[in-house]
Amino acid sequence: MGVTRTDLFTDEQNHIANIIKALGHPARIAIIEYLLKVNVCICSDIVDELPLAQSTISQHLKELKNAGLIKGNIEGTSICYCIDEKTFGFLKNYFGGIMVNTQNQKCC
């Protein structure tokens, strides 16, 4: 397998790629949708909602958290997760800029 040359790209390009990579799995999309529906939750609630093992969900939560898409607070022996609005605001601005540019394009 080839070496990833992330150093050839800007910090912003690498940041966006990491966020989008984290969203590239349907289980992670389901977790995001669940968090949006309930506003906050604890990991065991997600296990009850999705047809995946607790360890698998924990791994997906870790990927989402590392990408900055969710944040979590420790409450006793559990972690309460919620959407990180800062990262979604960043994505909104990024994709909003793309939409503005593509609407003004005169291309094939």
PDB file of N, CA and C in Angstrom:
ATOM      1  N   MET A   1       0.842  -1.163   0.000  1.00  0.00           N
ATOM      2  CA  MET A   1       0.000   0.000   0.000  1.00  0.00           C
ATOM      3  C   MET A   1       0.887   1.225   0.000  1.00  0.00           C
ATOM      4  N   GLY A   2       0.474   2.268  -0.720  1.00  0.00           N
ATOM      5  CA  GLY A   2       1.266   3.475  -0.857  1.00  0.00           C
ATOM      6  C   GLY A   2       1.274   4.330   0.393  1.00  0.00           C
ATOM      7  N   VAL A   3       2.215   5.226   0.434  1.00  0.00           N
ATOM      8  CA  VAL A   3       2.347   6.149   1.548  1.00  0.00           C
ATOM      9  C   VAL A   3       1.455   7.358   1.286  1.00  0.00           C
ATOM     10  N   THR A   4       0.714   7.775   2.296  1.00  0.00           N
ATOM     11  CA  THR A   4      -0.121   8.960   2.174  1.00  0.00           C
ATOM     12  C   THR A   4       0.763  10.181   2.315  1.00  0.00           C
ATOM     13  N   ARG A   5       0.672  11.086   1.384  1.00  0.00           N
ATOM     14  CA  ARG A   5       1.508  12.283   1.386  1.00  0.00           C
ATOM     15  C   ARG A   5       0.699  13.492   1.827  1.00  0.00           C
ATOM     16  N   THR A   6       0.207  13.454   3.040  1.00  0.00           N
ATOM     17  CA  THR A   6      -0.616  14.545   3.542  1.00  0.00           C
ATOM     18  C   THR A   6       0.157  15.847   3.655  1.00  0.00           C
ATOM     19  N   ASP A   7       1.488  15.749   3.729  1.00  0.00           N
ATOM     20  CA  ASP A   7       2.299  16.964   3.832  1.00  0.00           C
ATOM     21  C   ASP A   7       2.280  17.793   2.545  1.00  0.00           C
ATOM     22  N   LEU A   8       1.763  17.234   1.462  1.00  0.00           N
ATOM     23  CA  LEU A   8       1.665  17.968   0.201  1.00  0.00           C
ATOM     24  C   LEU A   8       0.444  18.882   0.145  1.00  0.00           C
ATOM     25  N   PHE A   9      -0.426  18.781   1.153  1.00  0.00           N
ATOM     26  CA  PHE A   9      -1.676  19.524   1.150  1.00  0.00           C
ATOM     27  C   PHE A   9      -1.746  20.462   2.345  1.00  0.00           C
ATOM     28  N   THR A  10      -2.642  21.431   2.255  1.00  0.00           N
ATOM     29  CA  THR A  10      -2.755  22.416   3.328  1.00  0.00           C
ATOM     30  C   THR A  10      -3.362  21.770   4.579  1.00  0.00           C
ATOM     31  N   ASP A  11      -3.201  22.443   5.701  1.00  0.00           N
ATOM     32  CA  ASP A  11      -3.807  21.964   6.946  1.00  0.00           C
ATOM     33  C   ASP A  11      -5.325  21.880   6.802  1.00  0.00           C
ATOM     34  N   GLU A  12      -5.920  22.875   6.137  1.00  0.00           N
ATOM     35  CA  GLU A  12      -7.370  22.871   5.957  1.00  0.00           C
ATOM     36  C   GLU A  12      -7.808  21.687   5.088  1.00  0.00           C
ATOM     37  N   GLN A  13      -7.087  21.398   4.019  1.00  0.00           N
ATOM     38  CA  GLN A  13      -7.428  20.269   3.163  1.00  0.00           C
ATOM     39  C   GLN A  13      -7.333  18.952   3.930  1.00  0.00           C
ATOM     40  N   ASN A  14      -6.306  18.796   4.730  1.00  0.00           N
ATOM     41  CA  ASN A  14      -6.156  17.590   5.543  1.00  0.00           C
ATOM     42  C   ASN A  14      -7.256  17.492   6.598  1.00  0.00           C
ATOM     43  N   HIS A  15      -7.611  18.627   7.188  1.00  0.00           N
ATOM     44  CA  HIS A  15      -8.664  18.657   8.206  1.00  0.00           C
ATOM     45  C   HIS A  15     -10.007  18.237   7.611  1.00  0.00           C
ATOM     46  N   ILE A  16     -10.352  18.803   6.469  1.00  0.00           N
ATOM     47  CA  ILE A  16     -11.605  18.459   5.796  1.00  0.00           C
ATOM     48  C   ILE A  16     -11.606  16.979   5.409  1.00  0.00           C
ATOM     49  N   ALA A  17     -10.505  16.488   4.887  1.00  0.00           N
ATOM     50  CA  ALA A  17     -10.418  15.076   4.491  1.00  0.00           C
ATOM     51  C   ALA A  17     -10.609  14.155   5.692  1.00  0.00           C
ATOM     52  N   ASN A  18     -10.043  14.514   6.841  1.00  0.00           N
ATOM     53  CA  ASN A  18     -10.203  13.688   8.044  1.00  0.00           C
ATOM     54  C   ASN A  18     -11.653  13.666   8.515  1.00  0.00           C
ATOM     55  N   ILE A  19     -12.306  14.807   8.453  1.00  0.00           N
ATOM     56  CA  ILE A  19     -13.712  14.873   8.858  1.00  0.00           C
ATOM     57  C   ILE A  19     -14.571  14.016   7.928  1.00  0.00           C
ATOM     58  N   ILE A  20     -14.360  14.184   6.632  1.00  0.00           N
ATOM     59  CA  ILE A  20     -15.171  13.451   5.658  1.00  0.00           C
ATOM     60  C   ILE A  20     -14.883  11.951   5.733  1.00  0.00           C
ATOM     61  N   LYS A  21     -13.638  11.592   5.976  1.00  0.00           N
ATOM     62  CA  LYS A  21     -13.292  10.177   6.137  1.00  0.00           C
ATOM     63  C   LYS A  21     -14.059   9.578   7.321  1.00  0.00           C
ATOM     64  N   ALA A  22     -14.150  10.334   8.411  1.00  0.00           N
ATOM     65  CA  ALA A  22     -14.885   9.846   9.584  1.00  0.00           C
ATOM     66  C   ALA A  22     -16.365   9.670   9.280  1.00  0.00           C
ATOM     67  N   LEU A  23     -16.892  10.466   8.362  1.00  0.00           N
ATOM     68  CA  LEU A  23     -18.306  10.350   7.981  1.00  0.00           C
ATOM     69  C   LEU A  23     -18.535   9.274   6.920  1.00  0.00           C
ATOM     70  N   GLY A  24     -17.472   8.628   6.475  1.00  0.00           N
ATOM     71  CA  GLY A  24     -17.548   7.675   5.379  1.00  0.00           C
ATOM     72  C   GLY A  24     -18.000   6.275   5.758  1.00  0.00           C
ATOM     73  N   HIS A  25     -18.653   6.120   6.882  1.00  0.00           N
ATOM     74  CA  HIS A  25     -19.162   4.805   7.278  1.00  0.00           C
ATOM     75  C   HIS A  25     -20.624   4.956   7.707  1.00  0.00           C
ATOM     76  N   PRO A  26     -21.506   4.075   7.218  1.00  0.00           N
ATOM     77  CA  PRO A  26     -22.927   4.229   7.534  1.00  0.00           C
ATOM     78  C   PRO A  26     -23.237   4.143   9.035  1.00  0.00           C
ATOM     79  N   ALA A  27     -22.457   3.383   9.792  1.00  0.00           N
ATOM     80  CA  ALA A  27     -22.693   3.309  11.239  1.00  0.00           C
ATOM     81  C   ALA A  27     -22.432   4.666  11.890  1.00  0.00           C
ATOM     82  N   ARG A  28     -21.441   5.382  11.403  1.00  0.00           N
ATOM     83  CA  ARG A  28     -21.132   6.701  11.962  1.00  0.00           C
ATOM     84  C   ARG A  28     -22.206   7.714  11.589  1.00  0.00           C
ATOM     85  N   ILE A  29     -22.738   7.595  10.386  1.00  0.00           N
ATOM     86  CA  ILE A  29     -23.856   8.459   9.989  1.00  0.00           C
ATOM     87  C   ILE A  29     -25.053   8.164  10.895  1.00  0.00           C
ATOM     88  N   ALA A  30     -25.315   6.889  11.166  1.00  0.00           N
ATOM     89  CA  ALA A  30     -26.425   6.506  12.047  1.00  0.00           C
ATOM     90  C   ALA A  30     -26.214   7.058  13.454  1.00  0.00           C
ATOM     91  N   ILE A  31     -24.987   7.044  13.939  1.00  0.00           N
ATOM     92  CA  ILE A  31     -24.687   7.593  15.265  1.00  0.00           C
ATOM     93  C   ILE A  31     -24.948   9.096  15.273  1.00  0.00           C
ATOM     94  N   ILE A  32     -24.485   9.809  14.245  1.00  0.00           N
ATOM     95  CA  ILE A  32     -24.717  11.255  14.151  1.00  0.00           C
ATOM     96  C   ILE A  32     -26.219  11.533  14.137  1.00  0.00           C
ATOM     97  N   GLU A  33     -26.962  10.793  13.324  1.00  0.00           N
ATOM     98  CA  GLU A  33     -28.411  10.993  13.240  1.00  0.00           C
ATOM     99  C   GLU A  33     -29.087  10.719  14.578  1.00  0.00           C
ATOM    100  N   TYR A  34     -28.629   9.698  15.285  1.00  0.00           N
ATOM    101  CA  TYR A  34     -29.197   9.389  16.596  1.00  0.00           C
ATOM    102  C   TYR A  34     -28.907  10.515  17.589  1.00  0.00           C
ATOM    103  N   LEU A  35     -27.679  11.010  17.596  1.00  0.00           N
ATOM    104  CA  LEU A  35     -27.328  12.111  18.501  1.00  0.00           C
ATOM    105  C   LEU A  35     -28.145  13.362  18.198  1.00  0.00           C
ATOM    106  N   LEU A  36     -28.412  13.611  16.924  1.00  0.00           N
ATOM    107  CA  LEU A  36     -29.252  14.749  16.553  1.00  0.00           C
ATOM    108  C   LEU A  36     -30.685  14.557  17.057  1.00  0.00           C
ATOM    109  N   LYS A  37     -31.150  13.317  17.008  1.00  0.00           N
ATOM    110  CA  LYS A  37     -32.525  13.023  17.423  1.00  0.00           C
ATOM    111  C   LYS A  37     -32.699  13.171  18.935  1.00  0.00           C
ATOM    112  N   VAL A  38     -31.738  12.684  19.708  1.00  0.00           N
ATOM    113  CA  VAL A  38     -31.884  12.688  21.171  1.00  0.00           C
ATOM    114  C   VAL A  38     -31.194  13.870  21.829  1.00  0.00           C
ATOM    115  N   ASN A  39     -30.387  14.602  21.081  1.00  0.00           N
ATOM    116  CA  ASN A  39     -29.655  15.785  21.548  1.00  0.00           C
ATOM    117  C   ASN A  39     -28.431  15.425  22.375  1.00  0.00           C
ATOM    118  N   VAL A  40     -28.516  14.520  23.331  1.00  0.00           N
ATOM    119  CA  VAL A  40     -27.364  13.987  24.069  1.00  0.00           C
ATOM    120  C   VAL A  40     -27.670  12.528  24.374  1.00  0.00           C
ATOM    121  N   CYS A  41     -26.652  11.770  24.661  1.00  0.00           N
ATOM    122  CA  CYS A  41     -26.903  10.386  25.045  1.00  0.00           C
ATOM    123  C   CYS A  41     -25.668   9.796  25.704  1.00  0.00           C
ATOM    124  N   ILE A  42     -25.808   8.596  26.167  1.00  0.00           N
ATOM    125  CA  ILE A  42     -24.710   7.841  26.753  1.00  0.00           C
ATOM    126  C   ILE A  42     -24.460   6.660  25.836  1.00  0.00           C
ATOM    127  N   CYS A  43     -23.238   6.188  25.792  1.00  0.00           N
ATOM    128  CA  CYS A  43     -22.840   5.125  24.866  1.00  0.00           C
ATOM    129  C   CYS A  43     -23.794   3.942  24.893  1.00  0.00           C
ATOM    130  N   SER A  44     -24.262   3.522  26.052  1.00  0.00           N
ATOM    131  CA  SER A  44     -25.148   2.358  26.128  1.00  0.00           C
ATOM    132  C   SER A  44     -26.473   2.606  25.404  1.00  0.00           C
ATOM    133  N   ASP A  45     -26.921   3.874  25.343  1.00  0.00           N
ATOM    134  CA  ASP A  45     -28.144   4.197  24.594  1.00  0.00           C
ATOM    135  C   ASP A  45     -27.951   3.918  23.111  1.00  0.00           C
ATOM    136  N   ILE A  46     -26.780   4.228  22.595  1.00  0.00           N
ATOM    137  CA  ILE A  46     -26.481   4.000  21.183  1.00  0.00           C
ATOM    138  C   ILE A  46     -26.437   2.498  20.906  1.00  0.00           C
ATOM    139  N   VAL A  47     -25.890   1.730  21.836  1.00  0.00           N
ATOM    140  CA  VAL A  47     -25.827   0.272  21.678  1.00  0.00           C
ATOM    141  C   VAL A  47     -27.229  -0.305  21.561  1.00  0.00           C
ATOM    142  N   ASP A  48     -28.171   0.252  22.313  1.00  0.00           N
ATOM    143  CA  ASP A  48     -29.550  -0.225  22.243  1.00  0.00           C
ATOM    144  C   ASP A  48     -30.216   0.162  20.926  1.00  0.00           C
ATOM    145  N   GLU A  49     -29.744   1.230  20.295  1.00  0.00           N
ATOM    146  CA  GLU A  49     -30.361   1.764  19.080  1.00  0.00           C
ATOM    147  C   GLU A  49     -29.833   1.104  17.798  1.00  0.00           C
ATOM    148  N   LEU A  50     -28.547   0.779  17.771  1.00  0.00           N
ATOM    149  CA  LEU A  50     -27.923   0.247  16.554  1.00  0.00           C
ATOM    150  C   LEU A  50     -27.637  -1.248  16.677  1.00  0.00           C
ATOM    151  N   PRO A  51     -27.689  -1.972  15.562  1.00  0.00           N
ATOM    152  CA  PRO A  51     -27.458  -3.418  15.593  1.00  0.00           C
ATOM    153  C   PRO A  51     -25.971  -3.780  15.557  1.00  0.00           C
ATOM    154  N   LEU A  52     -25.196  -3.151  16.451  1.00  0.00           N
ATOM    155  CA  LEU A  52     -23.762  -3.393  16.498  1.00  0.00           C
ATOM    156  C   LEU A  52     -23.337  -3.681  17.931  1.00  0.00           C
ATOM    157  N   ALA A  53     -22.219  -4.360  18.073  1.00  0.00           N
ATOM    158  CA  ALA A  53     -21.676  -4.650  19.403  1.00  0.00           C
ATOM    159  C   ALA A  53     -21.195  -3.365  20.067  1.00  0.00           C
ATOM    160  N   GLN A  54     -21.187  -3.372  21.390  1.00  0.00           N
ATOM    161  CA  GLN A  54     -20.750  -2.199  22.148  1.00  0.00           C
ATOM    162  C   GLN A  54     -19.325  -1.808  21.781  1.00  0.00           C
ATOM    163  N   SER A  55     -18.448  -2.778  21.597  1.00  0.00           N
ATOM    164  CA  SER A  55     -17.055  -2.465  21.263  1.00  0.00           C
ATOM    165  C   SER A  55     -16.944  -1.814  19.880  1.00  0.00           C
ATOM    166  N   THR A  56     -17.777  -2.250  18.944  1.00  0.00           N
ATOM    167  CA  THR A  56     -17.785  -1.654  17.605  1.00  0.00           C
ATOM    168  C   THR A  56     -18.283  -0.222  17.662  1.00  0.00           C
ATOM    169  N   ILE A  57     -19.342   0.009  18.416  1.00  0.00           N
ATOM    170  CA  ILE A  57     -19.868   1.365  18.561  1.00  0.00           C
ATOM    171  C   ILE A  57     -18.851   2.263  19.235  1.00  0.00           C
ATOM    172  N   SER A  58     -18.156   1.749  20.230  1.00  0.00           N
ATOM    173  CA  SER A  58     -17.118   2.537  20.904  1.00  0.00           C
ATOM    174  C   SER A  58     -16.028   2.953  19.931  1.00  0.00           C
ATOM    175  N   GLN A  59     -15.654   2.054  19.031  1.00  0.00           N
ATOM    176  CA  GLN A  59     -14.632   2.386  18.025  1.00  0.00           C
ATOM    177  C   GLN A  59     -15.134   3.472  17.082  1.00  0.00           C
ATOM    178  N   HIS A  60     -16.385   3.377  16.658  1.00  0.00           N
ATOM    179  CA  HIS A  60     -16.960   4.404  15.782  1.00  0.00           C
ATOM    180  C   HIS A  60     -17.057   5.746  16.514  1.00  0.00           C
ATOM    181  N   LEU A  61     -17.435   5.716  17.786  1.00  0.00           N
ATOM    182  CA  LEU A  61     -17.485   6.951  18.576  1.00  0.00           C
ATOM    183  C   LEU A  61     -16.101   7.583  18.694  1.00  0.00           C
ATOM    184  N   LYS A  62     -15.093   6.751  18.855  1.00  0.00           N
ATOM    185  CA  LYS A  62     -13.719   7.248  18.940  1.00  0.00           C
ATOM    186  C   LYS A  62     -13.322   7.955  17.645  1.00  0.00           C
ATOM    187  N   GLU A  63     -13.668   7.364  16.498  1.00  0.00           N
ATOM    188  CA  GLU A  63     -13.345   7.975  15.208  1.00  0.00           C
ATOM    189  C   GLU A  63     -14.075   9.311  15.030  1.00  0.00           C
ATOM    190  N   LEU A  64     -15.346   9.346  15.415  1.00  0.00           N
ATOM    191  CA  LEU A  64     -16.118  10.585  15.305  1.00  0.00           C
ATOM    192  C   LEU A  64     -15.558  11.659  16.234  1.00  0.00           C
ATOM    193  N   LYS A  65     -15.152  11.258  17.412  1.00  0.00           N
ATOM    194  CA  LYS A  65     -14.590  12.215  18.372  1.00  0.00           C
ATOM    195  C   LYS A  65     -13.228  12.720  17.897  1.00  0.00           C
ATOM    196  N   ASN A  66     -12.394  11.828  17.394  1.00  0.00           N
ATOM    197  CA  ASN A  66     -11.075  12.236  16.880  1.00  0.00           C
ATOM    198  C   ASN A  66     -11.195  13.220  15.725  1.00  0.00           C
ATOM    199  N   ALA A  67     -12.251  13.085  14.933  1.00  0.00           N
ATOM    200  CA  ALA A  67     -12.474  13.997  13.810  1.00  0.00           C
ATOM    201  C   ALA A  67     -13.131  15.300  14.255  1.00  0.00           C
ATOM    202  N   GLY A  68     -13.528  15.373  15.524  1.00  0.00           N
ATOM    203  CA  GLY A  68     -14.149  16.589  16.039  1.00  0.00           C
ATOM    204  C   GLY A  68     -15.630  16.703  15.740  1.00  0.00           C
ATOM    205  N   LEU A  69     -16.241  15.613  15.285  1.00  0.00           N
ATOM    206  CA  LEU A  69     -17.667  15.645  14.946  1.00  0.00           C
ATOM    207  C   LEU A  69     -18.565  15.518  16.168  1.00  0.00           C
ATOM    208  N   ILE A  70     -18.059  14.865  17.203  1.00  0.00           N
ATOM    209  CA  ILE A  70     -18.804  14.760  18.450  1.00  0.00           C
ATOM    210  C   ILE A  70     -17.864  15.107  19.594  1.00  0.00           C
ATOM    211  N   LYS A  71     -18.462  15.397  20.733  1.00  0.00           N
ATOM    212  CA  LYS A  71     -17.680  15.612  21.947  1.00  0.00           C
ATOM    213  C   LYS A  71     -18.329  14.806  23.047  1.00  0.00           C
ATOM    214  N   GLY A  72     -17.566  14.496  24.069  1.00  0.00           N
ATOM    215  CA  GLY A  72     -18.091  13.683  25.145  1.00  0.00           C
ATOM    216  C   GLY A  72     -17.611  14.150  26.499  1.00  0.00           C
ATOM    217  N   ASN A  73     -18.483  14.004  27.476  1.00  0.00           N
ATOM    218  CA  ASN A  73     -18.168  14.341  28.858  1.00  0.00           C
ATOM    219  C   ASN A  73     -18.359  13.106  29.714  1.00  0.00           C
ATOM    220  N   ILE A  74     -17.450  12.892  30.645  1.00  0.00           N
ATOM    221  CA  ILE A  74     -17.554  11.751  31.543  1.00  0.00           C
ATOM    222  C   ILE A  74     -18.567  12.081  32.633  1.00  0.00           C
ATOM    223  N   GLU A  75     -19.538  11.182  32.785  1.00  0.00           N
ATOM    224  CA  GLU A  75     -20.556  11.302  33.827  1.00  0.00           C
ATOM    225  C   GLU A  75     -20.577   9.999  34.608  1.00  0.00           C
ATOM    226  N   GLY A  76     -19.890   9.986  35.733  1.00  0.00           N
ATOM    227  CA  GLY A  76     -19.764   8.753  36.516  1.00  0.00           C
ATOM    228  C   GLY A  76     -18.924   7.747  35.768  1.00  0.00           C
ATOM    229  N   THR A  77     -19.516   6.598  35.466  1.00  0.00           N
ATOM    230  CA  THR A  77     -18.792   5.561  34.724  1.00  0.00           C
ATOM    231  C   THR A  77     -19.146   5.559  33.244  1.00  0.00           C
ATOM    232  N   SER A  78     -19.928   6.532  32.808  1.00  0.00           N
ATOM    233  CA  SER A  78     -20.360   6.601  31.407  1.00  0.00           C
ATOM    234  C   SER A  78     -19.861   7.886  30.765  1.00  0.00           C
ATOM    235  N   ILE A  79     -19.924   7.910  29.452  1.00  0.00           N
ATOM    236  CA  ILE A  79     -19.585   9.113  28.699  1.00  0.00           C
ATOM    237  C   ILE A  79     -20.832   9.584  27.973  1.00  0.00           C
ATOM    238  N   CYS A  80     -21.155  10.840  28.127  1.00  0.00           N
ATOM    239  CA  CYS A  80     -22.304  11.442  27.468  1.00  0.00           C
ATOM    240  C   CYS A  80     -21.795  12.145  26.210  1.00  0.00           C
ATOM    241  N   TYR A  81     -22.298  11.739  25.046  1.00  0.00           N
ATOM    242  CA  TYR A  81     -21.854  12.299  23.771  1.00  0.00           C
ATOM    243  C   TYR A  81     -22.867  13.274  23.209  1.00  0.00           C
ATOM    244  N   CYS A  82     -22.377  14.247  22.462  1.00  0.00           N
ATOM    245  CA  CYS A  82     -23.254  15.162  21.729  1.00  0.00           C
ATOM    246  C   CYS A  82     -22.509  15.660  20.488  1.00  0.00           C
ATOM    247  N   ILE A  83     -23.248  16.281  19.590  1.00  0.00           N
ATOM    248  CA  ILE A  83     -22.697  16.831  18.358  1.00  0.00           C
ATOM    249  C   ILE A  83     -21.783  18.012  18.682  1.00  0.00           C
ATOM    250  N   ASP A  84     -20.661  18.101  18.000  1.00  0.00           N
ATOM    251  CA  ASP A  84     -19.780  19.268  18.138  1.00  0.00           C
ATOM    252  C   ASP A  84     -20.169  20.269  17.056  1.00  0.00           C
ATOM    253  N   GLU A  85     -20.928  21.265  17.451  1.00  0.00           N
ATOM    254  CA  GLU A  85     -21.475  22.234  16.499  1.00  0.00           C
ATOM    255  C   GLU A  85     -20.386  23.038  15.791  1.00  0.00           C
ATOM    256  N   LYS A  86     -19.219  23.181  16.402  1.00  0.00           N
ATOM    257  CA  LYS A  86     -18.126  23.939  15.781  1.00  0.00           C
ATOM    258  C   LYS A  86     -17.670  23.268  14.484  1.00  0.00           C
ATOM    259  N   THR A  87     -17.492  21.965  14.526  1.00  0.00           N
ATOM    260  CA  THR A  87     -17.031  21.238  13.341  1.00  0.00           C
ATOM    261  C   THR A  87     -18.097  21.243  12.252  1.00  0.00           C
ATOM    262  N   PHE A  88     -19.360  21.081  12.634  1.00  0.00           N
ATOM    263  CA  PHE A  88     -20.421  21.113  11.629  1.00  0.00           C
ATOM    264  C   PHE A  88     -20.583  22.509  11.040  1.00  0.00           C
ATOM    265  N   GLY A  89     -20.313  23.538  11.827  1.00  0.00           N
ATOM    266  CA  GLY A  89     -20.309  24.906  11.299  1.00  0.00           C
ATOM    267  C   GLY A  89     -19.197  25.097  10.286  1.00  0.00           C
ATOM    268  N   PHE A  90     -18.035  24.520  10.575  1.00  0.00           N
ATOM    269  CA  PHE A  90     -16.903  24.561   9.653  1.00  0.00           C
ATOM    270  C   PHE A  90     -17.271  23.891   8.330  1.00  0.00           C
ATOM    271  N   LEU A  91     -17.902  22.703   8.413  1.00  0.00           N
ATOM    272  CA  LEU A  91     -18.327  21.998   7.199  1.00  0.00           C
ATOM    273  C   LEU A  91     -19.388  22.778   6.436  1.00  0.00           C
ATOM    274  N   LYS A  92     -20.305  23.396   7.162  1.00  0.00           N
ATOM    275  CA  LYS A  92     -21.348  24.203   6.525  1.00  0.00           C
ATOM    276  C   LYS A  92     -20.721  25.333   5.714  1.00  0.00           C
ATOM    277  N   ASN A  93     -19.751  26.015   6.292  1.00  0.00           N
ATOM    278  CA  ASN A  93     -19.071  27.105   5.570  1.00  0.00           C
ATOM    279  C   ASN A  93     -18.308  26.581   4.362  1.00  0.00           C
ATOM    280  N   TYR A  94     -17.630  25.456   4.535  1.00  0.00           N
ATOM    281  CA  TYR A  94     -16.848  24.879   3.437  1.00  0.00           C
ATOM    282  C   TYR A  94     -17.757  24.485   2.272  1.00  0.00           C
ATOM    283  N   PHE A  95     -18.792  23.688   2.568  1.00  0.00           N
ATOM    284  CA  PHE A  95     -19.688  23.238   1.505  1.00  0.00           C
ATOM    285  C   PHE A  95     -20.564  24.371   0.986  1.00  0.00           C
ATOM    286  N   GLY A  96     -20.872  25.345   1.824  1.00  0.00           N
ATOM    287  CA  GLY A  96     -21.605  26.528   1.363  1.00  0.00           C
ATOM    288  C   GLY A  96     -20.811  27.283   0.314  1.00  0.00           C
ATOM    289  N   GLY A  97     -19.494  27.400   0.533  1.00  0.00           N
ATOM    290  CA  GLY A  97     -18.625  28.043  -0.452  1.00  0.00           C
ATOM    291  C   GLY A  97     -18.594  27.278  -1.760  1.00  0.00           C
ATOM    292  N   ILE A  98     -18.603  25.968  -1.680  1.00  0.00           N
ATOM    293  CA  ILE A  98     -18.642  25.151  -2.894  1.00  0.00           C
ATOM    294  C   ILE A  98     -19.954  25.384  -3.635  1.00  0.00           C
ATOM    295  N   MET A  99     -21.052  25.415  -2.898  1.00  0.00           N
ATOM    296  CA  MET A  99     -22.363  25.621  -3.532  1.00  0.00           C
ATOM    297  C   MET A  99     -22.431  26.971  -4.239  1.00  0.00           C
ATOM    298  N   VAL A 100     -21.927  28.003  -3.614  1.00  0.00           N
ATOM    299  CA  VAL A 100     -21.928  29.334  -4.231  1.00  0.00           C
ATOM    300  C   VAL A 100     -21.119  29.313  -5.526  1.00  0.00           C
ATOM    301  N   ASN A 101     -19.949  28.700  -5.473  1.00  0.00           N
ATOM    302  CA  ASN A 101     -19.083  28.640  -6.654  1.00  0.00           C
ATOM    303  C   ASN A 101     -19.670  27.808  -7.782  1.00  0.00           C
ATOM    304  N   THR A 102     -20.312  26.686  -7.435  1.00  0.00           N
ATOM    305  CA  THR A 102     -20.861  25.834  -8.505  1.00  0.00           C
ATOM    306  C   THR A 102     -22.105  26.453  -9.130  1.00  0.00           C
ATOM    307  N   GLN A 103     -22.846  27.237  -8.373  1.00  0.00           N
ATOM    308  CA  GLN A 103     -24.039  27.879  -8.942  1.00  0.00           C
ATOM    309  C   GLN A 103     -23.664  28.955  -9.934  1.00  0.00           C
ATOM    310  N   ASN A 104     -22.497  29.534  -9.781  1.00  0.00           N
ATOM    311  CA  ASN A 104     -22.052  30.599 -10.675  1.00  0.00           C
ATOM    312  C   ASN A 104     -21.201  30.079 -11.834  1.00  0.00           C
ATOM    313  N   GLN A 105     -20.966  28.780 -11.867  1.00  0.00           N
ATOM    314  CA  GLN A 105     -20.115  28.197 -12.911  1.00  0.00           C
ATOM    315  C   GLN A 105     -20.816  28.110 -14.244  1.00  0.00           C
ATOM    316  N   LYS A 106     -20.074  28.360 -15.285  1.00  0.00           N
ATOM    317  CA  LYS A 106     -20.561  28.159 -16.653  1.00  0.00           C
ATOM    318  C   LYS A 106     -19.731  27.020 -17.243  1.00  0.00           C
ATOM    319  N   CYS A 107     -20.121  25.798 -16.919  1.00  0.00           N
ATOM    320  CA  CYS A 107     -19.321  24.641 -17.280  1.00  0.00           C
ATOM    321  C   CYS A 107     -20.199  23.598 -17.970  1.00  0.00           C
ATOM    322  N   CYS A 108     -19.570  22.563 -18.508  1.00  0.00           N
ATOM    323  CA  CYS A 108     -20.288  21.492 -19.207  1.00  0.00           C
ATOM    324  C   CYS A 108     -21.361  20.944 -18.324  1.00  0.00           C
TER     325      CYS A 108
END
